[in-house]
Amino acid sequence: MLLVEDEPRVRAVLKRVLVGAGYDVLEAANADDASVVHDGFGGTIHALVTDVVMPGKTGLELARHLTAIRPALKVVYMSGYAPNGPQLALGTENGVSFLQKPIMPPQLLSMLRNVLDQPSRSE
């Protein structure tokens, strides 16, 4: 999975939780770094866990870009700013998975498992 979070401490905690649960995690501090990591990785990336509000491109822009390349990519958005931020930005698009910060580890793992277990748009 690809974890994108601009706050280093938050990214470190989230990565530790995900790795501790058995996930392989690629990480990036912003959307531009995430694109470089994505493009340089030869394997399958099953999920993108991204902050919505970041310097430069937003998590929404990043997700749109990466899902255009990998239609089966599952996305979990996070934000400490706007509850339902992605839903507002994406309008009525179905399947938006959103976590409001601060995020508790069981909440993250439960949401991620649920998202990964859903059929992808390309299936």
PDB file of N, CA and C in Angstrom:
ATOM      1  N   MET A   1       0.831  -1.157   0.000  1.00  0.00           N
ATOM      2  CA  MET A   1       0.000   0.000   0.000  1.00  0.00           C
ATOM      3  C   MET A   1       0.883   1.230   0.000  1.00  0.00           C
ATOM      4  N   LEU A   2       0.310   2.333  -0.432  1.00  0.00           N
ATOM      5  CA  LEU A   2       1.032   3.599  -0.474  1.00  0.00           C
ATOM      6  C   LEU A   2       0.402   4.541   0.546  1.00  0.00           C
ATOM      7  N   LEU A   3       1.188   4.955   1.522  1.00  0.00           N
ATOM      8  CA  LEU A   3       0.762   5.863   2.580  1.00  0.00           C
ATOM      9  C   LEU A   3       1.321   7.240   2.283  1.00  0.00           C
ATOM     10  N   VAL A   4       0.442   8.245   2.200  1.00  0.00           N
ATOM     11  CA  VAL A   4       0.871   9.600   1.886  1.00  0.00           C
ATOM     12  C   VAL A   4       0.357  10.534   2.981  1.00  0.00           C
ATOM     13  N   GLU A   5       1.299  11.107   3.726  1.00  0.00           N
ATOM     14  CA  GLU A   5       0.986  11.980   4.865  1.00  0.00           C
ATOM     15  C   GLU A   5       2.124  12.969   5.009  1.00  0.00           C
ATOM     16  N   ASP A   6       1.797  14.256   5.036  1.00  0.00           N
ATOM     17  CA  ASP A   6       2.844  15.275   5.079  1.00  0.00           C
ATOM     18  C   ASP A   6       3.428  15.500   6.462  1.00  0.00           C
ATOM     19  N   GLU A   7       2.754  15.089   7.504  1.00  0.00           N
ATOM     20  CA  GLU A   7       3.267  15.249   8.863  1.00  0.00           C
ATOM     21  C   GLU A   7       4.108  14.022   9.223  1.00  0.00           C
ATOM     22  N   PRO A   8       5.432  14.182   9.390  1.00  0.00           N
ATOM     23  CA  PRO A   8       6.306  13.021   9.610  1.00  0.00           C
ATOM     24  C   PRO A   8       5.917  12.140  10.798  1.00  0.00           C
ATOM     25  N   ARG A   9       5.530  12.745  11.911  1.00  0.00           N
ATOM     26  CA  ARG A   9       5.186  11.933  13.091  1.00  0.00           C
ATOM     27  C   ARG A   9       3.930  11.109  12.846  1.00  0.00           C
ATOM     28  N   VAL A  10       2.941  11.735  12.219  1.00  0.00           N
ATOM     29  CA  VAL A  10       1.694  11.018  11.925  1.00  0.00           C
ATOM     30  C   VAL A  10       1.977   9.887  10.942  1.00  0.00           C
ATOM     31  N   ARG A  11       2.768  10.178   9.911  1.00  0.00           N
ATOM     32  CA  ARG A  11       3.128   9.158   8.923  1.00  0.00           C
ATOM     33  C   ARG A  11       3.851   7.981   9.596  1.00  0.00           C
ATOM     34  N   ALA A  12       4.770   8.275  10.506  1.00  0.00           N
ATOM     35  CA  ALA A  12       5.515   7.225  11.196  1.00  0.00           C
ATOM     36  C   ALA A  12       4.598   6.344  12.028  1.00  0.00           C
ATOM     37  N   VAL A  13       3.662   6.946  12.736  1.00  0.00           N
ATOM     38  CA  VAL A  13       2.725   6.172  13.565  1.00  0.00           C
ATOM     39  C   VAL A  13       1.828   5.305  12.687  1.00  0.00           C
ATOM     40  N   LEU A  14       1.281   5.899  11.627  1.00  0.00           N
ATOM     41  CA  LEU A  14       0.412   5.136  10.737  1.00  0.00           C
ATOM     42  C   LEU A  14       1.169   3.984  10.085  1.00  0.00           C
ATOM     43  N   LYS A  15       2.392   4.240   9.661  1.00  0.00           N
ATOM     44  CA  LYS A  15       3.196   3.176   9.051  1.00  0.00           C
ATOM     45  C   LYS A  15       3.441   2.058  10.053  1.00  0.00           C
ATOM     46  N   ARG A  16       3.781   2.411  11.276  1.00  0.00           N
ATOM     47  CA  ARG A  16       4.034   1.408  12.313  1.00  0.00           C
ATOM     48  C   ARG A  16       2.787   0.539  12.537  1.00  0.00           C
ATOM     49  N   VAL A  17       1.622   1.157  12.577  1.00  0.00           N
ATOM     50  CA  VAL A  17       0.364   0.414  12.764  1.00  0.00           C
ATOM     51  C   VAL A  17       0.133  -0.533  11.589  1.00  0.00           C
ATOM     52  N   LEU A  18       0.315  -0.031  10.370  1.00  0.00           N
ATOM     53  CA  LEU A  18       0.059  -0.836   9.177  1.00  0.00           C
ATOM     54  C   LEU A  18       1.050  -1.992   9.040  1.00  0.00           C
ATOM     55  N   VAL A  19       2.327  -1.714   9.253  1.00  0.00           N
ATOM     56  CA  VAL A  19       3.343  -2.767   9.185  1.00  0.00           C
ATOM     57  C   VAL A  19       3.098  -3.794  10.286  1.00  0.00           C
ATOM     58  N   GLY A  20       2.730  -3.321  11.469  1.00  0.00           N
ATOM     59  CA  GLY A  20       2.428  -4.222  12.579  1.00  0.00           C
ATOM     60  C   GLY A  20       1.253  -5.140  12.294  1.00  0.00           C
ATOM     61  N   ALA A  21       0.364  -4.699  11.413  1.00  0.00           N
ATOM     62  CA  ALA A  21      -0.791  -5.515  11.031  1.00  0.00           C
ATOM     63  C   ALA A  21      -0.485  -6.405   9.829  1.00  0.00           C
ATOM     64  N   GLY A  22       0.758  -6.349   9.343  1.00  0.00           N
ATOM     65  CA  GLY A  22       1.160  -7.233   8.263  1.00  0.00           C
ATOM     66  C   GLY A  22       1.142  -6.644   6.869  1.00  0.00           C
ATOM     67  N   TYR A  23       0.870  -5.362   6.753  1.00  0.00           N
ATOM     68  CA  TYR A  23       0.843  -4.724   5.429  1.00  0.00           C
ATOM     69  C   TYR A  23       2.242  -4.291   5.009  1.00  0.00           C
ATOM     70  N   ASP A  24       2.522  -4.396   3.713  1.00  0.00           N
ATOM     71  CA  ASP A  24       3.727  -3.816   3.134  1.00  0.00           C
ATOM     72  C   ASP A  24       3.396  -2.370   2.809  1.00  0.00           C
ATOM     73  N   VAL A  25       4.235  -1.445   3.272  1.00  0.00           N
ATOM     74  CA  VAL A  25       3.907  -0.027   3.152  1.00  0.00           C
ATOM     75  C   VAL A  25       5.013   0.739   2.428  1.00  0.00           C
ATOM     76  N   LEU A  26       4.621   1.413   1.361  1.00  0.00           N
ATOM     77  CA  LEU A  26       5.457   2.419   0.716  1.00  0.00           C
ATOM     78  C   LEU A  26       4.981   3.736   1.287  1.00  0.00           C
ATOM     79  N   GLU A  27       5.874   4.703   1.444  1.00  0.00           N
ATOM     80  CA  GLU A  27       5.436   5.959   2.047  1.00  0.00           C
ATOM     81  C   GLU A  27       5.953   7.155   1.277  1.00  0.00           C
ATOM     82  N   ALA A  28       5.204   8.248   1.416  1.00  0.00           N
ATOM     83  CA  ALA A  28       5.579   9.508   0.778  1.00  0.00           C
ATOM     84  C   ALA A  28       5.044  10.656   1.617  1.00  0.00           C
ATOM     85  N   ALA A  29       5.735  11.806   1.527  1.00  0.00           N
ATOM     86  CA  ALA A  29       5.373  12.973   2.320  1.00  0.00           C
ATOM     87  C   ALA A  29       4.392  13.897   1.612  1.00  0.00           C
ATOM     88  N   ASN A  30       4.218  13.718   0.304  1.00  0.00           N
ATOM     89  CA  ASN A  30       3.284  14.579  -0.434  1.00  0.00           C
ATOM     90  C   ASN A  30       2.922  13.890  -1.750  1.00  0.00           C
ATOM     91  N   ALA A  31       2.037  14.519  -2.503  1.00  0.00           N
ATOM     92  CA  ALA A  31       1.542  13.908  -3.734  1.00  0.00           C
ATOM     93  C   ALA A  31       2.637  13.740  -4.777  1.00  0.00           C
ATOM     94  N   ASP A  32       3.513  14.720  -4.902  1.00  0.00           N
ATOM     95  CA  ASP A  32       4.588  14.601  -5.888  1.00  0.00           C
ATOM     96  C   ASP A  32       5.522  13.445  -5.550  1.00  0.00           C
ATOM     97  N   ASP A  33       5.901  13.333  -4.275  1.00  0.00           N
ATOM     98  CA  ASP A  33       6.738  12.205  -3.840  1.00  0.00           C
ATOM     99  C   ASP A  33       6.010  10.879  -4.053  1.00  0.00           C
ATOM    100  N   ALA A  34       4.715  10.866  -3.800  1.00  0.00           N
ATOM    101  CA  ALA A  34       3.925   9.648  -3.972  1.00  0.00           C
ATOM    102  C   ALA A  34       3.922   9.207  -5.431  1.00  0.00           C
ATOM    103  N   SER A  35       3.849  10.149  -6.348  1.00  0.00           N
ATOM    104  CA  SER A  35       3.882   9.802  -7.775  1.00  0.00           C
ATOM    105  C   SER A  35       5.222   9.187  -8.151  1.00  0.00           C
ATOM    106  N   VAL A  36       6.301   9.726  -7.596  1.00  0.00           N
ATOM    107  CA  VAL A  36       7.639   9.177  -7.861  1.00  0.00           C
ATOM    108  C   VAL A  36       7.745   7.766  -7.288  1.00  0.00           C
ATOM    109  N   VAL A  37       7.287   7.579  -6.053  1.00  0.00           N
ATOM    110  CA  VAL A  37       7.322   6.253  -5.424  1.00  0.00           C
ATOM    111  C   VAL A  37       6.480   5.277  -6.248  1.00  0.00           C
ATOM    112  N   HIS A  38       5.283   5.690  -6.608  1.00  0.00           N
ATOM    113  CA  HIS A  38       4.391   4.854  -7.413  1.00  0.00           C
ATOM    114  C   HIS A  38       5.046   4.449  -8.727  1.00  0.00           C
ATOM    115  N   ASP A  39       5.581   5.416  -9.432  1.00  0.00           N
ATOM    116  CA  ASP A  39       6.170   5.154 -10.747  1.00  0.00           C
ATOM    117  C   ASP A  39       7.411   4.267 -10.657  1.00  0.00           C
ATOM    118  N   GLY A  40       8.125   4.338  -9.545  1.00  0.00           N
ATOM    119  CA  GLY A  40       9.340   3.554  -9.379  1.00  0.00           C
ATOM    120  C   GLY A  40       9.115   2.162  -8.814  1.00  0.00           C
ATOM    121  N   PHE A  41       7.883   1.861  -8.422  1.00  0.00           N
ATOM    122  CA  PHE A  41       7.579   0.566  -7.814  1.00  0.00           C
ATOM    123  C   PHE A  41       7.030  -0.373  -8.876  1.00  0.00           C
ATOM    124  N   GLY A  42       7.641  -1.517  -9.013  1.00  0.00           N
ATOM    125  CA  GLY A  42       7.238  -2.454 -10.054  1.00  0.00           C
ATOM    126  C   GLY A  42       6.119  -3.394  -9.671  1.00  0.00           C
ATOM    127  N   GLY A  43       5.781  -3.459  -8.395  1.00  0.00           N
ATOM    128  CA  GLY A  43       4.759  -4.400  -7.933  1.00  0.00           C
ATOM    129  C   GLY A  43       3.365  -3.799  -7.944  1.00  0.00           C
ATOM    130  N   THR A  44       2.454  -4.543  -7.366  1.00  0.00           N
ATOM    131  CA  THR A  44       1.066  -4.109  -7.269  1.00  0.00           C
ATOM    132  C   THR A  44       0.876  -3.269  -6.007  1.00  0.00           C
ATOM    133  N   ILE A  45       0.196  -2.174  -6.152  1.00  0.00           N
ATOM    134  CA  ILE A  45      -0.201  -1.354  -5.007  1.00  0.00           C
ATOM    135  C   ILE A  45      -1.711  -1.516  -4.888  1.00  0.00           C
ATOM    136  N   HIS A  46      -2.143  -2.110  -3.792  1.00  0.00           N
ATOM    137  CA  HIS A  46      -3.559  -2.407  -3.614  1.00  0.00           C
ATOM    138  C   HIS A  46      -4.355  -1.243  -3.051  1.00  0.00           C
ATOM    139  N   ALA A  47      -3.697  -0.386  -2.275  1.00  0.00           N
ATOM    140  CA  ALA A  47      -4.434   0.696  -1.618  1.00  0.00           C
ATOM    141  C   ALA A  47      -3.574   1.940  -1.491  1.00  0.00           C
ATOM    142  N   LEU A  48      -4.257   3.063  -1.537  1.00  0.00           N
ATOM    143  CA  LEU A  48      -3.675   4.368  -1.276  1.00  0.00           C
ATOM    144  C   LEU A  48      -4.354   4.906  -0.024  1.00  0.00           C
ATOM    145  N   VAL A  49      -3.562   5.223   0.990  1.00  0.00           N
ATOM    146  CA  VAL A  49      -4.069   5.865   2.200  1.00  0.00           C
ATOM    147  C   VAL A  49      -3.449   7.250   2.183  1.00  0.00           C
ATOM    148  N   THR A  50      -4.281   8.279   1.996  1.00  0.00           N
ATOM    149  CA  THR A  50      -3.743   9.613   1.780  1.00  0.00           C
ATOM    150  C   THR A  50      -4.442  10.686   2.584  1.00  0.00           C
ATOM    151  N   ASP A  51      -3.632  11.613   3.059  1.00  0.00           N
ATOM    152  CA  ASP A  51      -4.160  12.826   3.658  1.00  0.00           C
ATOM    153  C   ASP A  51      -4.837  13.612   2.541  1.00  0.00           C
ATOM    154  N   VAL A  52      -5.873  14.340   2.860  1.00  0.00           N
ATOM    155  CA  VAL A  52      -6.565  15.153   1.861  1.00  0.00           C
ATOM    156  C   VAL A  52      -5.835  16.471   1.665  1.00  0.00           C
ATOM    157  N   VAL A  53      -5.496  17.138   2.770  1.00  0.00           N
ATOM    158  CA  VAL A  53      -4.886  18.461   2.700  1.00  0.00           C
ATOM    159  C   VAL A  53      -3.374  18.327   2.878  1.00  0.00           C
ATOM    160  N   MET A  54      -2.637  18.648   1.798  1.00  0.00           N
ATOM    161  CA  MET A  54      -1.176  18.589   1.821  1.00  0.00           C
ATOM    162  C   MET A  54      -0.650  19.760   1.005  1.00  0.00           C
ATOM    163  N   PRO A  55       0.593  20.147   1.244  1.00  0.00           N
ATOM    164  CA  PRO A  55       1.197  21.182   0.401  1.00  0.00           C
ATOM    165  C   PRO A  55       1.254  20.700  -1.054  1.00  0.00           C
ATOM    166  N   GLY A  56       1.014  21.586  -1.977  1.00  0.00           N
ATOM    167  CA  GLY A  56       1.011  21.202  -3.388  1.00  0.00           C
ATOM    168  C   GLY A  56      -0.308  20.555  -3.748  1.00  0.00           C
ATOM    169  N   LYS A  57      -0.231  19.430  -4.416  1.00  0.00           N
ATOM    170  CA  LYS A  57      -1.440  18.713  -4.821  1.00  0.00           C
ATOM    171  C   LYS A  57      -2.124  18.100  -3.614  1.00  0.00           C
ATOM    172  N   THR A  58      -3.436  18.033  -3.683  1.00  0.00           N
ATOM    173  CA  THR A  58      -4.212  17.426  -2.601  1.00  0.00           C
ATOM    174  C   THR A  58      -4.240  15.910  -2.756  1.00  0.00           C
ATOM    175  N   GLY A  59      -4.668  15.263  -1.693  1.00  0.00           N
ATOM    176  CA  GLY A  59      -4.860  13.820  -1.756  1.00  0.00           C
ATOM    177  C   GLY A  59      -5.914  13.428  -2.776  1.00  0.00           C
ATOM    178  N   LEU A  60      -6.906  14.290  -2.971  1.00  0.00           N
ATOM    179  CA  LEU A  60      -7.939  14.023  -3.978  1.00  0.00           C
ATOM    180  C   LEU A  60      -7.340  14.027  -5.377  1.00  0.00           C
ATOM    181  N   GLU A  61      -6.494  14.997  -5.650  1.00  0.00           N
ATOM    182  CA  GLU A  61      -5.830  15.063  -6.962  1.00  0.00           C
ATOM    183  C   GLU A  61      -4.930  13.851  -7.166  1.00  0.00           C
ATOM    184  N   LEU A  62      -4.198  13.487  -6.127  1.00  0.00           N
ATOM    185  CA  LEU A  62      -3.325  12.323  -6.204  1.00  0.00           C
ATOM    186  C   LEU A  62      -4.142  11.068  -6.494  1.00  0.00           C
ATOM    187  N   ALA A  63      -5.221  10.876  -5.774  1.00  0.00           N
ATOM    188  CA  ALA A  63      -6.053   9.684  -5.966  1.00  0.00           C
ATOM    189  C   ALA A  63      -6.624   9.628  -7.380  1.00  0.00           C
ATOM    190  N   ARG A  64      -7.083  10.745  -7.881  1.00  0.00           N
ATOM    191  CA  ARG A  64      -7.605  10.766  -9.257  1.00  0.00           C
ATOM    192  C   ARG A  64      -6.518  10.367 -10.254  1.00  0.00           C
ATOM    193  N   HIS A  65      -5.321  10.889 -10.049  1.00  0.00           N
ATOM    194  CA  HIS A  65      -4.202  10.575 -10.938  1.00  0.00           C
ATOM    195  C   HIS A  65      -3.855   9.086 -10.886  1.00  0.00           C
ATOM    196  N   LEU A  66      -3.689   8.551  -9.672  1.00  0.00           N
ATOM    197  CA  LEU A  66      -3.264   7.157  -9.535  1.00  0.00           C
ATOM    198  C   LEU A  66      -4.346   6.166  -9.925  1.00  0.00           C
ATOM    199  N   THR A  67      -5.615   6.482  -9.652  1.00  0.00           N
ATOM    200  CA  THR A  67      -6.678   5.548 -10.047  1.00  0.00           C
ATOM    201  C   THR A  67      -6.905   5.571 -11.556  1.00  0.00           C
ATOM    202  N   ALA A  68      -6.497   6.632 -12.228  1.00  0.00           N
ATOM    203  CA  ALA A  68      -6.553   6.645 -13.694  1.00  0.00           C
ATOM    204  C   ALA A  68      -5.529   5.651 -14.261  1.00  0.00           C
ATOM    205  N   ILE A  69      -4.407   5.498 -13.556  1.00  0.00           N
ATOM    206  CA  ILE A  69      -3.353   4.567 -13.972  1.00  0.00           C
ATOM    207  C   ILE A  69      -3.663   3.153 -13.501  1.00  0.00           C
ATOM    208  N   ARG A  70      -4.141   3.047 -12.259  1.00  0.00           N
ATOM    209  CA  ARG A  70      -4.451   1.741 -11.644  1.00  0.00           C
ATOM    210  C   ARG A  70      -5.921   1.747 -11.204  1.00  0.00           C
ATOM    211  N   PRO A  71      -6.834   1.412 -12.094  1.00  0.00           N
ATOM    212  CA  PRO A  71      -8.267   1.482 -11.752  1.00  0.00           C
ATOM    213  C   PRO A  71      -8.671   0.621 -10.556  1.00  0.00           C
ATOM    214  N   ALA A  72      -7.928  -0.443 -10.273  1.00  0.00           N
ATOM    215  CA  ALA A  72      -8.275  -1.314  -9.143  1.00  0.00           C
ATOM    216  C   ALA A  72      -7.778  -0.775  -7.802  1.00  0.00           C
ATOM    217  N   LEU A  73      -7.028   0.324  -7.813  1.00  0.00           N
ATOM    218  CA  LEU A  73      -6.480   0.889  -6.582  1.00  0.00           C
ATOM    219  C   LEU A  73      -7.605   1.350  -5.663  1.00  0.00           C
ATOM    220  N   LYS A  74      -7.557   0.905  -4.414  1.00  0.00           N
ATOM    221  CA  LYS A  74      -8.537   1.321  -3.402  1.00  0.00           C
ATOM    222  C   LYS A  74      -7.973   2.541  -2.689  1.00  0.00           C
ATOM    223  N   VAL A  75      -8.849   3.458  -2.261  1.00  0.00           N
ATOM    224  CA  VAL A  75      -8.402   4.712  -1.660  1.00  0.00           C
ATOM    225  C   VAL A  75      -9.090   4.940  -0.324  1.00  0.00           C
ATOM    226  N   VAL A  76      -8.282   5.297   0.675  1.00  0.00           N
ATOM    227  CA  VAL A  76      -8.790   5.758   1.968  1.00  0.00           C
ATOM    228  C   VAL A  76      -8.246   7.168   2.168  1.00  0.00           C
ATOM    229  N   TYR A  77      -9.152   8.116   2.355  1.00  0.00           N
ATOM    230  CA  TYR A  77      -8.779   9.509   2.603  1.00  0.00           C
ATOM    231  C   TYR A  77      -8.773   9.770   4.100  1.00  0.00           C
ATOM    232  N   MET A  78      -7.885  10.684   4.531  1.00  0.00           N
ATOM    233  CA  MET A  78      -7.832  11.104   5.938  1.00  0.00           C
ATOM    234  C   MET A  78      -7.717  12.626   5.967  1.00  0.00           C
ATOM    235  N   SER A  79      -8.292  13.218   7.006  1.00  0.00           N
ATOM    236  CA  SER A  79      -8.111  14.652   7.179  1.00  0.00           C
ATOM    237  C   SER A  79      -8.389  15.041   8.625  1.00  0.00           C
ATOM    238  N   GLY A  80      -7.650  16.023   9.076  1.00  0.00           N
ATOM    239  CA  GLY A  80      -7.897  16.589  10.391  1.00  0.00           C
ATOM    240  C   GLY A  80      -8.645  17.909  10.288  1.00  0.00           C
ATOM    241  N   TYR A  81      -8.962  18.308   9.077  1.00  0.00           N
ATOM    242  CA  TYR A  81      -9.576  19.619   8.871  1.00  0.00           C
ATOM    243  C   TYR A  81     -11.066  19.566   8.655  1.00  0.00           C
ATOM    244  N   ALA A  82     -11.495  18.906   7.613  1.00  0.00           N
ATOM    245  CA  ALA A  82     -12.901  18.970   7.235  1.00  0.00           C
ATOM    246  C   ALA A  82     -13.571  17.617   7.332  1.00  0.00           C
ATOM    247  N   PRO A  83     -14.500  17.457   8.292  1.00  0.00           N
ATOM    248  CA  PRO A  83     -15.255  16.215   8.286  1.00  0.00           C
ATOM    249  C   PRO A  83     -15.985  16.105   6.949  1.00  0.00           C
ATOM    250  N   ASN A  84     -15.960  14.930   6.370  1.00  0.00           N
ATOM    251  CA  ASN A  84     -16.601  14.680   5.081  1.00  0.00           C
ATOM    252  C   ASN A  84     -15.992  15.487   3.948  1.00  0.00           C
ATOM    253  N   GLY A  85     -14.748  15.930   4.110  1.00  0.00           N
ATOM    254  CA  GLY A  85     -14.084  16.716   3.075  1.00  0.00           C
ATOM    255  C   GLY A  85     -14.093  16.059   1.709  1.00  0.00           C
ATOM    256  N   PRO A  86     -13.676  14.802   1.592  1.00  0.00           N
ATOM    257  CA  PRO A  86     -13.683  14.173   0.274  1.00  0.00           C
ATOM    258  C   PRO A  86     -15.083  14.046  -0.306  1.00  0.00           C
ATOM    259  N   GLN A  87     -16.067  13.752   0.544  1.00  0.00           N
ATOM    260  CA  GLN A  87     -17.419  13.620   0.033  1.00  0.00           C
ATOM    261  C   GLN A  87     -17.891  14.949  -0.572  1.00  0.00           C
ATOM    262  N   LEU A  88     -17.553  16.052   0.091  1.00  0.00           N
ATOM    263  CA  LEU A  88     -17.927  17.357  -0.442  1.00  0.00           C
ATOM    264  C   LEU A  88     -17.209  17.626  -1.758  1.00  0.00           C
ATOM    265  N   ALA A  89     -15.935  17.300  -1.823  1.00  0.00           N
ATOM    266  CA  ALA A  89     -15.149  17.560  -3.028  1.00  0.00           C
ATOM    267  C   ALA A  89     -15.536  16.637  -4.178  1.00  0.00           C
ATOM    268  N   LEU A  90     -15.917  15.408  -3.851  1.00  0.00           N
ATOM    269  CA  LEU A  90     -16.245  14.444  -4.890  1.00  0.00           C
ATOM    270  C   LEU A  90     -17.734  14.410  -5.204  1.00  0.00           C
ATOM    271  N   GLY A  91     -18.503  15.216  -4.518  1.00  0.00           N
ATOM    272  CA  GLY A  91     -19.939  15.239  -4.766  1.00  0.00           C
ATOM    273  C   GLY A  91     -20.586  13.948  -4.325  1.00  0.00           C
ATOM    274  N   THR A  92     -21.321  13.333  -5.224  1.00  0.00           N
ATOM    275  CA  THR A  92     -22.097  12.139  -4.869  1.00  0.00           C
ATOM    276  C   THR A  92     -21.400  10.849  -5.256  1.00  0.00           C
ATOM    277  N   GLU A  93     -20.114  10.917  -5.609  1.00  0.00           N
ATOM    278  CA  GLU A  93     -19.396   9.701  -5.999  1.00  0.00           C
ATOM    279  C   GLU A  93     -19.482   8.666  -4.882  1.00  0.00           C
ATOM    280  N   ASN A  94     -19.833   7.452  -5.255  1.00  0.00           N
ATOM    281  CA  ASN A  94     -19.976   6.370  -4.278  1.00  0.00           C
ATOM    282  C   ASN A  94     -18.621   5.795  -3.901  1.00  0.00           C
ATOM    283  N   GLY A  95     -18.574   5.183  -2.748  1.00  0.00           N
ATOM    284  CA  GLY A  95     -17.391   4.438  -2.359  1.00  0.00           C
ATOM    285  C   GLY A  95     -16.274   5.257  -1.752  1.00  0.00           C
ATOM    286  N   VAL A  96     -16.563   6.481  -1.317  1.00  0.00           N
ATOM    287  CA  VAL A  96     -15.526   7.295  -0.695  1.00  0.00           C
ATOM    288  C   VAL A  96     -15.323   6.809   0.736  1.00  0.00           C
ATOM    289  N   SER A  97     -14.091   6.441   1.059  1.00  0.00           N
ATOM    290  CA  SER A  97     -13.746   5.987   2.404  1.00  0.00           C
ATOM    291  C   SER A  97     -12.934   7.082   3.066  1.00  0.00           C
ATOM    292  N   PHE A  98     -13.428   7.568   4.204  1.00  0.00           N
ATOM    293  CA  PHE A  98     -12.846   8.745   4.841  1.00  0.00           C
ATOM    294  C   PHE A  98     -12.691   8.529   6.332  1.00  0.00           C
ATOM    295  N   LEU A  99     -11.499   8.880   6.852  1.00  0.00           N
ATOM    296  CA  LEU A  99     -11.229   8.835   8.289  1.00  0.00           C
ATOM    297  C   LEU A  99     -10.912  10.238   8.785  1.00  0.00           C
ATOM    298  N   GLN A 100     -11.596  10.642   9.822  1.00  0.00           N
ATOM    299  CA  GLN A 100     -11.342  11.939  10.443  1.00  0.00           C
ATOM    300  C   GLN A 100     -10.206  11.780  11.454  1.00  0.00           C
ATOM    301  N   LYS A 101      -9.200  12.641  11.370  1.00  0.00           N
ATOM    302  CA  LYS A 101      -8.103  12.623  12.336  1.00  0.00           C
ATOM    303  C   LYS A 101      -8.567  13.287  13.619  1.00  0.00           C
ATOM    304  N   PRO A 102      -8.065  12.891  14.764  1.00  0.00           N
ATOM    305  CA  PRO A 102      -7.066  11.841  14.979  1.00  0.00           C
ATOM    306  C   PRO A 102      -7.673  10.461  14.736  1.00  0.00           C
ATOM    307  N   ILE A 103      -6.851   9.573  14.218  1.00  0.00           N
ATOM    308  CA  ILE A 103      -7.283   8.231  13.844  1.00  0.00           C
ATOM    309  C   ILE A 103      -6.750   7.231  14.864  1.00  0.00           C
ATOM    310  N   MET A 104      -7.635   6.394  15.345  1.00  0.00           N
ATOM    311  CA  MET A 104      -7.243   5.324  16.252  1.00  0.00           C
ATOM    312  C   MET A 104      -6.841   4.107  15.411  1.00  0.00           C
ATOM    313  N   PRO A 105      -5.798   3.371  15.799  1.00  0.00           N
ATOM    314  CA  PRO A 105      -5.355   2.221  15.006  1.00  0.00           C
ATOM    315  C   PRO A 105      -6.464   1.232  14.635  1.00  0.00           C
ATOM    316  N   PRO A 106      -7.342   0.826  15.565  1.00  0.00           N
ATOM    317  CA  PRO A 106      -8.387  -0.124  15.162  1.00  0.00           C
ATOM    318  C   PRO A 106      -9.306   0.450  14.077  1.00  0.00           C
ATOM    319  N   GLN A 107      -9.549   1.744  14.143  1.00  0.00           N
ATOM    320  CA  GLN A 107     -10.390   2.413  13.148  1.00  0.00           C
ATOM    321  C   GLN A 107      -9.729   2.349  11.762  1.00  0.00           C
ATOM    322  N   LEU A 108      -8.452   2.641  11.700  1.00  0.00           N
ATOM    323  CA  LEU A 108      -7.709   2.594  10.445  1.00  0.00           C
ATOM    324  C   LEU A 108      -7.705   1.176   9.876  1.00  0.00           C
ATOM    325  N   LEU A 109      -7.370   0.211  10.705  1.00  0.00           N
ATOM    326  CA  LEU A 109      -7.272  -1.169  10.228  1.00  0.00           C
ATOM    327  C   LEU A 109      -8.624  -1.720   9.788  1.00  0.00           C
ATOM    328  N   SER A 110      -9.668  -1.379  10.505  1.00  0.00           N
ATOM    329  CA  SER A 110     -11.009  -1.825  10.140  1.00  0.00           C
ATOM    330  C   SER A 110     -11.439  -1.217   8.800  1.00  0.00           C
ATOM    331  N   MET A 111     -11.241   0.081   8.645  1.00  0.00           N
ATOM    332  CA  MET A 111     -11.610   0.746   7.394  1.00  0.00           C
ATOM    333  C   MET A 111     -10.811   0.166   6.231  1.00  0.00           C
ATOM    334  N   LEU A 112      -9.520  -0.006   6.421  1.00  0.00           N
ATOM    335  CA  LEU A 112      -8.670  -0.519   5.358  1.00  0.00           C
ATOM    336  C   LEU A 112      -9.087  -1.935   4.957  1.00  0.00           C
ATOM    337  N   ARG A 113      -9.337  -2.781   5.936  1.00  0.00           N
ATOM    338  CA  ARG A 113      -9.768  -4.153   5.632  1.00  0.00           C
ATOM    339  C   ARG A 113     -11.073  -4.138   4.849  1.00  0.00           C
ATOM    340  N   ASN A 114     -12.003  -3.292   5.263  1.00  0.00           N
ATOM    341  CA  ASN A 114     -13.290  -3.175   4.584  1.00  0.00           C
ATOM    342  C   ASN A 114     -13.104  -2.714   3.137  1.00  0.00           C
ATOM    343  N   VAL A 115     -12.257  -1.726   2.941  1.00  0.00           N
ATOM    344  CA  VAL A 115     -12.000  -1.194   1.599  1.00  0.00           C
ATOM    345  C   VAL A 115     -11.331  -2.254   0.722  1.00  0.00           C
ATOM    346  N   LEU A 116     -10.350  -2.938   1.254  1.00  0.00           N
ATOM    347  CA  LEU A 116      -9.648  -3.953   0.470  1.00  0.00           C
ATOM    348  C   LEU A 116     -10.544  -5.141   0.120  1.00  0.00           C
ATOM    349  N   ASP A 117     -11.528  -5.425   0.964  1.00  0.00           N
ATOM    350  CA  ASP A 117     -12.415  -6.548   0.713  1.00  0.00           C
ATOM    351  C   ASP A 117     -13.516  -6.244  -0.300  1.00  0.00           C
ATOM    352  N   GLN A 118     -13.717  -4.978  -0.629  1.00  0.00           N
ATOM    353  CA  GLN A 118     -14.736  -4.591  -1.609  1.00  0.00           C
ATOM    354  C   GLN A 118     -14.229  -4.868  -3.017  1.00  0.00           C
ATOM    355  N   PRO A 119     -15.147  -5.288  -3.907  1.00  0.00           N
ATOM    356  CA  PRO A 119     -14.737  -5.463  -5.305  1.00  0.00           C
ATOM    357  C   PRO A 119     -14.292  -4.117  -5.881  1.00  0.00           C
ATOM    358  N   SER A 120     -13.266  -4.154  -6.699  1.00  0.00           N
ATOM    359  CA  SER A 120     -12.777  -2.900  -7.294  1.00  0.00           C
ATOM    360  C   SER A 120     -13.636  -2.529  -8.487  1.00  0.00           C
ATOM    361  N   ARG A 121     -13.486  -1.291  -8.926  1.00  0.00           N
ATOM    362  CA  ARG A 121     -14.253  -0.796 -10.065  1.00  0.00           C
ATOM    363  C   ARG A 121     -13.907  -1.560 -11.335  1.00  0.00           C
ATOM    364  N   SER A 122     -12.708  -2.130 -11.402  1.00  0.00           N
ATOM    365  CA  SER A 122     -12.295  -2.817 -12.625  1.00  0.00           C
ATOM    366  C   SER A 122     -12.649  -4.296 -12.621  1.00  0.00           C
ATOM    367  N   GLU A 123     -13.240  -4.795 -11.520  1.00  0.00           N
ATOM    368  CA  GLU A 123     -13.582  -6.218 -11.443  1.00  0.00           C
ATOM    369  C   GLU A 123     -14.995  -6.450 -11.966  1.00  0.00           C
TER     370      GLU A 123
END
